PDB file of N, CA and C in Angstrom:
ATOM      1  N   MET A   1     -26.005  -5.910  13.349  1.00  0.00           N
ATOM      2  CA  MET A   1     -25.395  -6.600  14.468  1.00  0.00           C
ATOM      3  C   MET A   1     -23.895  -6.309  14.470  1.00  0.00           C
ATOM      4  N   ILE A   2     -23.361  -5.940  15.621  1.00  0.00           N
ATOM      5  CA  ILE A   2     -21.973  -5.517  15.715  1.00  0.00           C
ATOM      6  C   ILE A   2     -21.023  -6.668  16.053  1.00  0.00           C
ATOM      7  N   ASN A   3     -21.496  -7.761  16.655  1.00  0.00           N
ATOM      8  CA  ASN A   3     -20.653  -8.896  17.021  1.00  0.00           C
ATOM      9  C   ASN A   3     -19.508  -8.514  17.949  1.00  0.00           C
ATOM     10  N   MET A   4     -19.842  -7.826  19.038  1.00  0.00           N
ATOM     11  CA  MET A   4     -18.834  -7.411  20.020  1.00  0.00           C
ATOM     12  C   MET A   4     -18.420  -8.582  20.893  1.00  0.00           C
ATOM     13  N   ILE A   5     -17.146  -8.561  21.275  1.00  0.00           N
ATOM     14  CA  ILE A   5     -16.530  -9.587  22.108  1.00  0.00           C
ATOM     15  C   ILE A   5     -15.821  -8.908  23.275  1.00  0.00           C
ATOM     16  N   LEU A   6     -15.915  -9.522  24.447  1.00  0.00           N
ATOM     17  CA  LEU A   6     -15.144  -9.087  25.612  1.00  0.00           C
ATOM     18  C   LEU A   6     -14.099 -10.161  25.871  1.00  0.00           C
ATOM     19  N   ALA A   7     -12.830  -9.783  25.842  1.00  0.00           N
ATOM     20  CA  ALA A   7     -11.740 -10.722  26.102  1.00  0.00           C
ATOM     21  C   ALA A   7     -11.277 -10.564  27.544  1.00  0.00           C
ATOM     22  N   TYR A   8     -11.202 -11.700  28.243  1.00  0.00           N
ATOM     23  CA  TYR A   8     -10.787 -11.781  29.636  1.00  0.00           C
ATOM     24  C   TYR A   8      -9.390 -12.385  29.649  1.00  0.00           C
ATOM     25  N   ILE A   9      -8.383 -11.598  30.101  1.00  0.00           N
ATOM     26  CA  ILE A   9      -6.994 -12.043  30.004  1.00  0.00           C
ATOM     27  C   ILE A   9      -6.260 -11.742  31.319  1.00  0.00           C
ATOM     28  N   PRO A  10      -6.119 -12.714  32.210  1.00  0.00           N
ATOM     29  CA  PRO A  10      -5.306 -12.494  33.406  1.00  0.00           C
ATOM     30  C   PRO A  10      -3.827 -12.379  33.027  1.00  0.00           C
ATOM     31  N   CYS A  11      -3.120 -11.453  33.675  1.00  0.00           N
ATOM     32  CA  CYS A  11      -1.699 -11.225  33.407  1.00  0.00           C
ATOM     33  C   CYS A  11      -0.915 -11.317  34.719  1.00  0.00           C
ATOM     34  N   LYS A  12       0.396 -11.526  34.618  1.00  0.00           N
ATOM     35  CA  LYS A  12       1.199 -11.724  35.829  1.00  0.00           C
ATOM     36  C   LYS A  12       1.227 -10.474  36.719  1.00  0.00           C
ATOM     37  N   ASN A  13       1.101  -9.294  36.115  1.00  0.00           N
ATOM     38  CA  ASN A  13       1.085  -8.061  36.903  1.00  0.00           C
ATOM     39  C   ASN A  13       0.537  -6.911  36.054  1.00  0.00           C
ATOM     40  N   GLU A  14       0.407  -5.758  36.674  1.00  0.00           N
ATOM     41  CA  GLU A  14      -0.153  -4.594  35.991  1.00  0.00           C
ATOM     42  C   GLU A  14       0.714  -4.142  34.817  1.00  0.00           C
ATOM     43  N   ASP A  15       2.017  -4.200  34.973  1.00  0.00           N
ATOM     44  CA  ASP A  15       2.908  -3.779  33.881  1.00  0.00           C
ATOM     45  C   ASP A  15       2.705  -4.625  32.626  1.00  0.00           C
ATOM     46  N   GLU A  16       2.582  -5.940  32.807  1.00  0.00           N
ATOM     47  CA  GLU A  16       2.353  -6.810  31.658  1.00  0.00           C
ATOM     48  C   GLU A  16       1.001  -6.506  31.021  1.00  0.00           C
ATOM     49  N   ALA A  17      -0.026  -6.312  31.834  1.00  0.00           N
ATOM     50  CA  ALA A  17      -1.354  -5.993  31.308  1.00  0.00           C
ATOM     51  C   ALA A  17      -1.329  -4.683  30.521  1.00  0.00           C
ATOM     52  N   LYS A  18      -0.619  -3.682  31.028  1.00  0.00           N
ATOM     53  CA  LYS A  18      -0.504  -2.400  30.326  1.00  0.00           C
ATOM     54  C   LYS A  18       0.209  -2.564  28.988  1.00  0.00           C
ATOM     55  N   LYS A  19       1.293  -3.302  28.991  1.00  0.00           N
ATOM     56  CA  LYS A  19       2.077  -3.510  27.763  1.00  0.00           C
ATOM     57  C   LYS A  19       1.223  -4.188  26.685  1.00  0.00           C
ATOM     58  N   ILE A  20       0.521  -5.234  27.070  1.00  0.00           N
ATOM     59  CA  ILE A  20      -0.317  -5.955  26.112  1.00  0.00           C
ATOM     60  C   ILE A  20      -1.501  -5.092  25.694  1.00  0.00           C
ATOM     61  N   GLY A  21      -2.160  -4.447  26.648  1.00  0.00           N
ATOM     62  CA  GLY A  21      -3.318  -3.603  26.341  1.00  0.00           C
ATOM     63  C   GLY A  21      -2.980  -2.477  25.377  1.00  0.00           C
ATOM     64  N   LYS A  22      -1.865  -1.800  25.615  1.00  0.00           N
ATOM     65  CA  LYS A  22      -1.449  -0.708  24.726  1.00  0.00           C
ATOM     66  C   LYS A  22      -1.184  -1.214  23.310  1.00  0.00           C
ATOM     67  N   LYS A  23      -0.513  -2.355  23.204  1.00  0.00           N
ATOM     68  CA  LYS A  23      -0.210  -2.931  21.882  1.00  0.00           C
ATOM     69  C   LYS A  23      -1.499  -3.269  21.132  1.00  0.00           C
ATOM     70  N   LEU A  24      -2.475  -3.828  21.842  1.00  0.00           N
ATOM     71  CA  LEU A  24      -3.740  -4.200  21.209  1.00  0.00           C
ATOM     72  C   LEU A  24      -4.512  -2.975  20.732  1.00  0.00           C
ATOM     73  N   VAL A  25      -4.517  -1.909  21.534  1.00  0.00           N
ATOM     74  CA  VAL A  25      -5.225  -0.675  21.139  1.00  0.00           C
ATOM     75  C   VAL A  25      -4.497   0.013  19.991  1.00  0.00           C
ATOM     76  N   GLU A  26      -3.182   0.163  20.126  1.00  0.00           N
ATOM     77  CA  GLU A  26      -2.411   0.835  19.072  1.00  0.00           C
ATOM     78  C   GLU A  26      -2.487   0.085  17.746  1.00  0.00           C
ATOM     79  N   GLY A  27      -2.595  -1.227  17.810  1.00  0.00           N
ATOM     80  CA  GLY A  27      -2.682  -2.032  16.595  1.00  0.00           C
ATOM     81  C   GLY A  27      -4.086  -2.138  16.028  1.00  0.00           C
ATOM     82  N   LYS A  28      -5.033  -1.437  16.638  1.00  0.00           N
ATOM     83  CA  LYS A  28      -6.441  -1.452  16.218  1.00  0.00           C
ATOM     84  C   LYS A  28      -7.029  -2.862  16.255  1.00  0.00           C
ATOM     85  N   ILE A  29      -6.532  -3.653  17.207  1.00  0.00           N
ATOM     86  CA  ILE A  29      -7.046  -4.996  17.411  1.00  0.00           C
ATOM     87  C   ILE A  29      -8.221  -4.959  18.375  1.00  0.00           C
ATOM     88  N   VAL A  30      -8.154  -4.052  19.337  1.00  0.00           N
ATOM     89  CA  VAL A  30      -9.248  -3.845  20.283  1.00  0.00           C
ATOM     90  C   VAL A  30      -9.589  -2.364  20.321  1.00  0.00           C
ATOM     91  N   ALA A  31     -10.840  -2.082  20.659  1.00  0.00           N
ATOM     92  CA  ALA A  31     -11.264  -0.684  20.768  1.00  0.00           C
ATOM     93  C   ALA A  31     -10.824  -0.076  22.091  1.00  0.00           C
ATOM     94  N   CYS A  32     -10.799  -0.901  23.121  1.00  0.00           N
ATOM     95  CA  CYS A  32     -10.536  -0.404  24.466  1.00  0.00           C
ATOM     96  C   CYS A  32      -9.950  -1.524  25.304  1.00  0.00           C
ATOM     97  N   ALA A  33      -9.010  -1.181  26.163  1.00  0.00           N
ATOM     98  CA  ALA A  33      -8.437  -2.145  27.100  1.00  0.00           C
ATOM     99  C   ALA A  33      -8.571  -1.571  28.507  1.00  0.00           C
ATOM    100  N   ASN A  34      -9.170  -2.336  29.399  1.00  0.00           N
ATOM    101  CA  ASN A  34      -9.312  -1.939  30.802  1.00  0.00           C
ATOM    102  C   ASN A  34      -8.443  -2.861  31.647  1.00  0.00           C
ATOM    103  N   ILE A  35      -7.849  -2.298  32.690  1.00  0.00           N
ATOM    104  CA  ILE A  35      -6.996  -3.090  33.569  1.00  0.00           C
ATOM    105  C   ILE A  35      -7.491  -2.971  35.000  1.00  0.00           C
ATOM    106  N   ILE A  36      -7.736  -4.119  35.594  1.00  0.00           N
ATOM    107  CA  ILE A  36      -7.990  -4.196  37.030  1.00  0.00           C
ATOM    108  C   ILE A  36      -6.648  -4.609  37.620  1.00  0.00           C
ATOM    109  N   PRO A  37      -5.989  -3.707  38.353  1.00  0.00           N
ATOM    110  CA  PRO A  37      -4.586  -3.917  38.693  1.00  0.00           C
ATOM    111  C   PRO A  37      -4.265  -5.063  39.642  1.00  0.00           C
ATOM    112  N   LYS A  38      -5.232  -5.498  40.443  1.00  0.00           N
ATOM    113  CA  LYS A  38      -4.899  -6.571  41.373  1.00  0.00           C
ATOM    114  C   LYS A  38      -6.094  -7.465  41.634  1.00  0.00           C
ATOM    115  N   MET A  39      -5.854  -8.758  41.475  1.00  0.00           N
ATOM    116  CA  MET A  39      -6.835  -9.772  41.838  1.00  0.00           C
ATOM    117  C   MET A  39      -6.060 -10.991  42.333  1.00  0.00           C
ATOM    118  N   THR A  40      -6.711 -11.821  43.085  1.00  0.00           N
ATOM    119  CA  THR A  40      -6.099 -13.051  43.576  1.00  0.00           C
ATOM    120  C   THR A  40      -6.680 -14.219  42.806  1.00  0.00           C
ATOM    121  N   SER A  41      -5.816 -15.092  42.338  1.00  0.00           N
ATOM    122  CA  SER A  41      -6.246 -16.264  41.581  1.00  0.00           C
ATOM    123  C   SER A  41      -5.765 -17.531  42.277  1.00  0.00           C
ATOM    124  N   TYR A  42      -6.633 -18.529  42.266  1.00  0.00           N
ATOM    125  CA  TYR A  42      -6.305 -19.859  42.776  1.00  0.00           C
ATOM    126  C   TYR A  42      -6.458 -20.847  41.636  1.00  0.00           C
ATOM    127  N   TYR A  43      -5.516 -21.770  41.527  1.00  0.00           N
ATOM    128  CA  TYR A  43      -5.582 -22.804  40.496  1.00  0.00           C
ATOM    129  C   TYR A  43      -4.614 -23.929  40.859  1.00  0.00           C
ATOM    130  N   ILE A  44      -4.802 -25.060  40.220  1.00  0.00           N
ATOM    131  CA  ILE A  44      -3.894 -26.189  40.414  1.00  0.00           C
ATOM    132  C   ILE A  44      -2.875 -26.169  39.279  1.00  0.00           C
ATOM    133  N   TRP A  45      -1.595 -26.221  39.634  1.00  0.00           N
ATOM    134  CA  TRP A  45      -0.518 -26.287  38.649  1.00  0.00           C
ATOM    135  C   TRP A  45       0.489 -27.305  39.148  1.00  0.00           C
ATOM    136  N   GLN A  46       0.788 -28.271  38.314  1.00  0.00           N
ATOM    137  CA  GLN A  46       1.703 -29.351  38.652  1.00  0.00           C
ATOM    138  C   GLN A  46       1.300 -30.018  39.970  1.00  0.00           C
ATOM    139  N   LYS A  47      -0.003 -30.294  40.075  1.00  0.00           N
ATOM    140  CA  LYS A  47      -0.625 -31.011  41.193  1.00  0.00           C
ATOM    141  C   LYS A  47      -0.576 -30.263  42.523  1.00  0.00           C
ATOM    142  N   LYS A  48      -0.325 -28.951  42.492  1.00  0.00           N
ATOM    143  CA  LYS A  48      -0.287 -28.162  43.724  1.00  0.00           C
ATOM    144  C   LYS A  48      -1.204 -26.955  43.596  1.00  0.00           C
ATOM    145  N   LEU A  49      -1.868 -26.648  44.703  1.00  0.00           N
ATOM    146  CA  LEU A  49      -2.711 -25.456  44.739  1.00  0.00           C
ATOM    147  C   LEU A  49      -1.826 -24.217  44.729  1.00  0.00           C
ATOM    148  N   GLN A  50      -2.107 -23.324  43.799  1.00  0.00           N
ATOM    149  CA  GLN A  50      -1.348 -22.085  43.665  1.00  0.00           C
ATOM    150  C   GLN A  50      -2.238 -20.900  44.048  1.00  0.00           C
ATOM    151  N   GLU A  51      -1.656 -19.912  44.665  1.00  0.00           N
ATOM    152  CA  GLU A  51      -2.324 -18.634  44.947  1.00  0.00           C
ATOM    153  C   GLU A  51      -1.423 -17.547  44.387  1.00  0.00           C
ATOM    154  N   GLU A  52      -1.957 -16.777  43.460  1.00  0.00           N
ATOM    155  CA  GLU A  52      -1.156 -15.748  42.794  1.00  0.00           C
ATOM    156  C   GLU A  52      -1.897 -14.422  42.763  1.00  0.00           C
ATOM    157  N   SER A  53      -1.140 -13.356  42.824  1.00  0.00           N
ATOM    158  CA  SER A  53      -1.672 -12.023  42.580  1.00  0.00           C
ATOM    159  C   SER A  53      -1.485 -11.747  41.092  1.00  0.00           C
ATOM    160  N   GLU A  54      -2.549 -11.332  40.439  1.00  0.00           N
ATOM    161  CA  GLU A  54      -2.494 -11.060  39.005  1.00  0.00           C
ATOM    162  C   GLU A  54      -3.211  -9.742  38.712  1.00  0.00           C
ATOM    163  N   ALA A  55      -3.047  -9.259  37.488  1.00  0.00           N
ATOM    164  CA  ALA A  55      -3.816  -8.122  36.981  1.00  0.00           C
ATOM    165  C   ALA A  55      -4.739  -8.668  35.904  1.00  0.00           C
ATOM    166  N   LEU A  56      -5.904  -8.063  35.777  1.00  0.00           N
ATOM    167  CA  LEU A  56      -6.871  -8.527  34.778  1.00  0.00           C
ATOM    168  C   LEU A  56      -6.971  -7.518  33.651  1.00  0.00           C
ATOM    169  N   LEU A  57      -6.769  -7.996  32.437  1.00  0.00           N
ATOM    170  CA  LEU A  57      -6.911  -7.191  31.232  1.00  0.00           C
ATOM    171  C   LEU A  57      -8.242  -7.562  30.588  1.00  0.00           C
ATOM    172  N   LEU A  58      -9.111  -6.581  30.419  1.00  0.00           N
ATOM    173  CA  LEU A  58     -10.405  -6.761  29.756  1.00  0.00           C
ATOM    174  C   LEU A  58     -10.386  -5.922  28.489  1.00  0.00           C
ATOM    175  N   CYS A  59     -10.704  -6.522  27.363  1.00  0.00           N
ATOM    176  CA  CYS A  59     -10.650  -5.820  26.085  1.00  0.00           C
ATOM    177  C   CYS A  59     -11.960  -5.973  25.326  1.00  0.00           C
ATOM    178  N   LYS A  60     -12.393  -4.891  24.680  1.00  0.00           N
ATOM    179  CA  LYS A  60     -13.566  -4.933  23.812  1.00  0.00           C
ATOM    180  C   LYS A  60     -13.107  -4.881  22.366  1.00  0.00           C
ATOM    181  N   THR A  61     -13.627  -5.815  21.578  1.00  0.00           N
ATOM    182  CA  THR A  61     -13.271  -5.881  20.173  1.00  0.00           C
ATOM    183  C   THR A  61     -14.434  -6.472  19.389  1.00  0.00           C
ATOM    184  N   THR A  62     -14.194  -6.723  18.113  1.00  0.00           N
ATOM    185  CA  THR A  62     -15.208  -7.364  17.275  1.00  0.00           C
ATOM    186  C   THR A  62     -14.786  -8.805  16.992  1.00  0.00           C
ATOM    187  N   LYS A  63     -15.752  -9.602  16.606  1.00  0.00           N
ATOM    188  CA  LYS A  63     -15.518 -11.033  16.378  1.00  0.00           C
ATOM    189  C   LYS A  63     -14.401 -11.280  15.367  1.00  0.00           C
ATOM    190  N   ASN A  64     -14.328 -10.463  14.339  1.00  0.00           N
ATOM    191  CA  ASN A  64     -13.320 -10.692  13.293  1.00  0.00           C
ATOM    192  C   ASN A  64     -11.898 -10.347  13.737  1.00  0.00           C
ATOM    193  N   LYS A  65     -11.722  -9.785  14.928  1.00  0.00           N
ATOM    194  CA  LYS A  65     -10.381  -9.456  15.432  1.00  0.00           C
ATOM    195  C   LYS A  65      -9.876 -10.457  16.475  1.00  0.00           C
ATOM    196  N   VAL A  66     -10.674 -11.460  16.796  1.00  0.00           N
ATOM    197  CA  VAL A  66     -10.315 -12.383  17.870  1.00  0.00           C
ATOM    198  C   VAL A  66      -9.035 -13.158  17.557  1.00  0.00           C
ATOM    199  N   ARG A  67      -8.877 -13.642  16.349  1.00  0.00           N
ATOM    200  CA  ARG A  67      -7.670 -14.402  16.006  1.00  0.00           C
ATOM    201  C   ARG A  67      -6.413 -13.539  16.177  1.00  0.00           C
ATOM    202  N   LYS A  68      -6.451 -12.304  15.697  1.00  0.00           N
ATOM    203  CA  LYS A  68      -5.305 -11.403  15.825  1.00  0.00           C
ATOM    204  C   LYS A  68      -5.039 -11.087  17.302  1.00  0.00           C
ATOM    205  N   LEU A  69      -6.101 -10.914  18.078  1.00  0.00           N
ATOM    206  CA  LEU A  69      -5.960 -10.681  19.522  1.00  0.00           C
ATOM    207  C   LEU A  69      -5.230 -11.868  20.160  1.00  0.00           C
ATOM    208  N   GLU A  70      -5.677 -13.075  19.870  1.00  0.00           N
ATOM    209  CA  GLU A  70      -5.054 -14.271  20.434  1.00  0.00           C
ATOM    210  C   GLU A  70      -3.584 -14.382  20.031  1.00  0.00           C
ATOM    211  N   GLU A  71      -3.284 -14.149  18.764  1.00  0.00           N
ATOM    212  CA  GLU A  71      -1.899 -14.230  18.286  1.00  0.00           C
ATOM    213  C   GLU A  71      -1.008 -13.223  19.007  1.00  0.00           C
ATOM    214  N   THR A  72      -1.496 -12.006  19.145  1.00  0.00           N
ATOM    215  CA  THR A  72      -0.715 -10.940  19.776  1.00  0.00           C
ATOM    216  C   THR A  72      -0.486 -11.233  21.253  1.00  0.00           C
ATOM    217  N   VAL A  73      -1.532 -11.627  21.956  1.00  0.00           N
ATOM    218  CA  VAL A  73      -1.401 -11.924  23.386  1.00  0.00           C
ATOM    219  C   VAL A  73      -0.434 -13.083  23.601  1.00  0.00           C
ATOM    220  N   LYS A  74      -0.552 -14.150  22.835  1.00  0.00           N
ATOM    221  CA  LYS A  74       0.330 -15.309  22.999  1.00  0.00           C
ATOM    222  C   LYS A  74       1.804 -14.936  22.799  1.00  0.00           C
ATOM    223  N   LYS A  75       2.092 -14.028  21.861  1.00  0.00           N
ATOM    224  CA  LYS A  75       3.471 -13.589  21.614  1.00  0.00           C
ATOM    225  C   LYS A  75       4.021 -12.765  22.772  1.00  0.00           C
ATOM    226  N   MET A  76       3.158 -11.989  23.433  1.00  0.00           N
ATOM    227  CA  MET A  76       3.608 -11.030  24.445  1.00  0.00           C
ATOM    228  C   MET A  76       3.481 -11.526  25.882  1.00  0.00           C
ATOM    229  N   HIS A  77       2.626 -12.489  26.117  1.00  0.00           N
ATOM    230  CA  HIS A  77       2.298 -12.930  27.475  1.00  0.00           C
ATOM    231  C   HIS A  77       3.418 -13.775  28.068  1.00  0.00           C
ATOM    232  N   SER A  78       3.639 -13.634  29.369  1.00  0.00           N
ATOM    233  CA  SER A  78       4.709 -14.374  30.033  1.00  0.00           C
ATOM    234  C   SER A  78       4.318 -15.803  30.403  1.00  0.00           C
ATOM    235  N   TYR A  79       3.031 -16.106  30.453  1.00  0.00           N
ATOM    236  CA  TYR A  79       2.597 -17.459  30.830  1.00  0.00           C
ATOM    237  C   TYR A  79       2.746 -18.421  29.651  1.00  0.00           C
ATOM    238  N   SER A  80       3.109 -19.654  29.943  1.00  0.00           N
ATOM    239  CA  SER A  80       3.210 -20.657  28.884  1.00  0.00           C
ATOM    240  C   SER A  80       1.825 -21.029  28.353  1.00  0.00           C
ATOM    241  N   ILE A  81       0.805 -20.914  29.206  1.00  0.00           N
ATOM    242  CA  ILE A  81      -0.575 -21.177  28.792  1.00  0.00           C
ATOM    243  C   ILE A  81      -1.452 -20.014  29.272  1.00  0.00           C
ATOM    244  N   PRO A  82      -1.440 -18.881  28.566  1.00  0.00           N
ATOM    245  CA  PRO A  82      -2.276 -17.762  29.019  1.00  0.00           C
ATOM    246  C   PRO A  82      -3.762 -18.039  28.786  1.00  0.00           C
ATOM    247  N   CYS A  83      -4.584 -17.526  29.689  1.00  0.00           N
ATOM    248  CA  CYS A  83      -6.036 -17.595  29.506  1.00  0.00           C
ATOM    249  C   CYS A  83      -6.456 -16.427  28.623  1.00  0.00           C
ATOM    250  N   ILE A  84      -7.093 -16.745  27.515  1.00  0.00           N
ATOM    251  CA  ILE A  84      -7.675 -15.729  26.633  1.00  0.00           C
ATOM    252  C   ILE A  84      -9.111 -16.177  26.404  1.00  0.00           C
ATOM    253  N   ALA A  85      -9.994 -15.730  27.282  1.00  0.00           N
ATOM    254  CA  ALA A  85     -11.397 -16.143  27.217  1.00  0.00           C
ATOM    255  C   ALA A  85     -12.202 -15.049  26.527  1.00  0.00           C
ATOM    256  N   CYS A  86     -12.817 -15.398  25.414  1.00  0.00           N
ATOM    257  CA  CYS A  86     -13.612 -14.432  24.655  1.00  0.00           C
ATOM    258  C   CYS A  86     -15.091 -14.696  24.892  1.00  0.00           C
ATOM    259  N   ILE A  87     -15.765 -13.655  25.324  1.00  0.00           N
ATOM    260  CA  ILE A  87     -17.169 -13.745  25.708  1.00  0.00           C
ATOM    261  C   ILE A  87     -17.983 -12.874  24.762  1.00  0.00           C
ATOM    262  N   LYS A  88     -18.974 -13.473  24.131  1.00  0.00           N
ATOM    263  CA  LYS A  88     -19.839 -12.726  23.223  1.00  0.00           C
ATOM    264  C   LYS A  88     -20.700 -11.758  24.031  1.00  0.00           C
ATOM    265  N   ILE A  89     -20.747 -10.524  23.566  1.00  0.00           N
ATOM    266  CA  ILE A  89     -21.585  -9.508  24.197  1.00  0.00           C
ATOM    267  C   ILE A  89     -22.930  -9.513  23.476  1.00  0.00           C
ATOM    268  N   ASP A  90     -23.970  -9.902  24.182  1.00  0.00           N
ATOM    269  CA  ASP A  90     -25.304  -9.978  23.573  1.00  0.00           C
ATOM    270  C   ASP A  90     -25.947  -8.611  23.396  1.00  0.00           C
ATOM    271  N   LYS A  91     -25.612  -7.666  24.269  1.00  0.00           N
ATOM    272  CA  LYS A  91     -26.241  -6.343  24.207  1.00  0.00           C
ATOM    273  C   LYS A  91     -25.212  -5.301  24.598  1.00  0.00           C
ATOM    274  N   ILE A  92     -25.139  -4.246  23.820  1.00  0.00           N
ATOM    275  CA  ILE A  92     -24.274  -3.116  24.139  1.00  0.00           C
ATOM    276  C   ILE A  92     -24.968  -1.865  23.622  1.00  0.00           C
ATOM    277  N   ASN A  93     -24.795  -0.759  24.338  1.00  0.00           N
ATOM    278  CA  ASN A  93     -25.471   0.446  23.870  1.00  0.00           C
ATOM    279  C   ASN A  93     -24.972   0.832  22.473  1.00  0.00           C
ATOM    280  N   LYS A  94     -25.907   1.260  21.645  1.00  0.00           N
ATOM    281  CA  LYS A  94     -25.673   1.444  20.212  1.00  0.00           C
ATOM    282  C   LYS A  94     -24.509   2.385  19.908  1.00  0.00           C
ATOM    283  N   LYS A  95     -24.462   3.545  20.558  1.00  0.00           N
ATOM    284  CA  LYS A  95     -23.406   4.518  20.250  1.00  0.00           C
ATOM    285  C   LYS A  95     -22.021   3.971  20.606  1.00  0.00           C
ATOM    286  N   TYR A  96     -21.917   3.263  21.731  1.00  0.00           N
ATOM    287  CA  TYR A  96     -20.631   2.680  22.097  1.00  0.00           C
ATOM    288  C   TYR A  96     -20.236   1.598  21.096  1.00  0.00           C
ATOM    289  N   GLY A  97     -21.189   0.763  20.713  1.00  0.00           N
ATOM    290  CA  GLY A  97     -20.914  -0.295  19.751  1.00  0.00           C
ATOM    291  C   GLY A  97     -20.417   0.252  18.424  1.00  0.00           C
ATOM    292  N   ILE A  98     -21.031   1.319  17.957  1.00  0.00           N
ATOM    293  CA  ILE A  98     -20.599   1.947  16.702  1.00  0.00           C
ATOM    294  C   ILE A  98     -19.190   2.511  16.850  1.00  0.00           C
ATOM    295  N   TRP A  99     -18.947   3.212  17.968  1.00  0.00           N
ATOM    296  CA  TRP A  99     -17.618   3.772  18.220  1.00  0.00           C
ATOM    297  C   TRP A  99     -16.571   2.656  18.265  1.00  0.00           C
ATOM    298  N   ALA A 100     -16.857   1.593  19.005  1.00  0.00           N
ATOM    299  CA  ALA A 100     -15.894   0.485  19.164  1.00  0.00           C
ATOM    300  C   ALA A 100     -15.573  -0.150  17.808  1.00  0.00           C
ATOM    301  N   LYS A 101     -16.598  -0.363  17.003  1.00  0.00           N
ATOM    302  CA  LYS A 101     -16.366  -0.964  15.693  1.00  0.00           C
ATOM    303  C   LYS A 101     -15.475  -0.068  14.835  1.00  0.00           C
ATOM    304  N   GLN A 102     -15.676   1.253  14.904  1.00  0.00           N
ATOM    305  CA  GLN A 102     -14.857   2.192  14.131  1.00  0.00           C
ATOM    306  C   GLN A 102     -13.400   2.153  14.561  1.00  0.00           C
ATOM    307  N   GLN A 103     -13.135   1.854  15.831  1.00  0.00           N
ATOM    308  CA  GLN A 103     -11.772   1.851  16.337  1.00  0.00           C
ATOM    309  C   GLN A 103     -10.933   0.692  15.802  1.00  0.00           C
ATOM    310  N   VAL A 104     -11.573  -0.408  15.433  1.00  0.00           N
ATOM    311  CA  VAL A 104     -10.828  -1.583  14.990  1.00  0.00           C
ATOM    312  C   VAL A 104     -10.852  -1.787  13.476  1.00  0.00           C
ATOM    313  N   LEU A 105     -11.436  -0.845  12.750  1.00  0.00           N
ATOM    314  CA  LEU A 105     -11.429  -0.919  11.291  1.00  0.00           C
ATOM    315  C   LEU A 105     -10.110  -0.431  10.740  1.00  0.00           C
ATOM    316  N   PHE A 106      -9.626  -1.041   9.688  1.00  0.00           N
ATOM    317  CA  PHE A 106      -8.397  -0.575   9.019  1.00  0.00           C
ATOM    318  C   PHE A 106      -8.754   0.232   7.803  1.00  0.00           C
TER     319      PHE A 106
END
């Protein structure tokens, strides 16, 4: 069992997502970082409905790297309360899973 995780991390813009994604890959914290450059988000902040354009950072990693991922994102992210949602991957093709695990080993 590989224990793969998909991290969902909205960022203020594409540049921030790229900066964080590159740091996570270079640090062998995640195997891969994908960026969806533009999405619209709605949420309540300080009792007001907010509409923001954001970029979405999606990262594949292993369960044992989640704490380091969270620490790194919190240090680099511009939001005071960034969303770092980690989703367990129940099924992934075997060759990709093996490759991804090799990328985050020290």
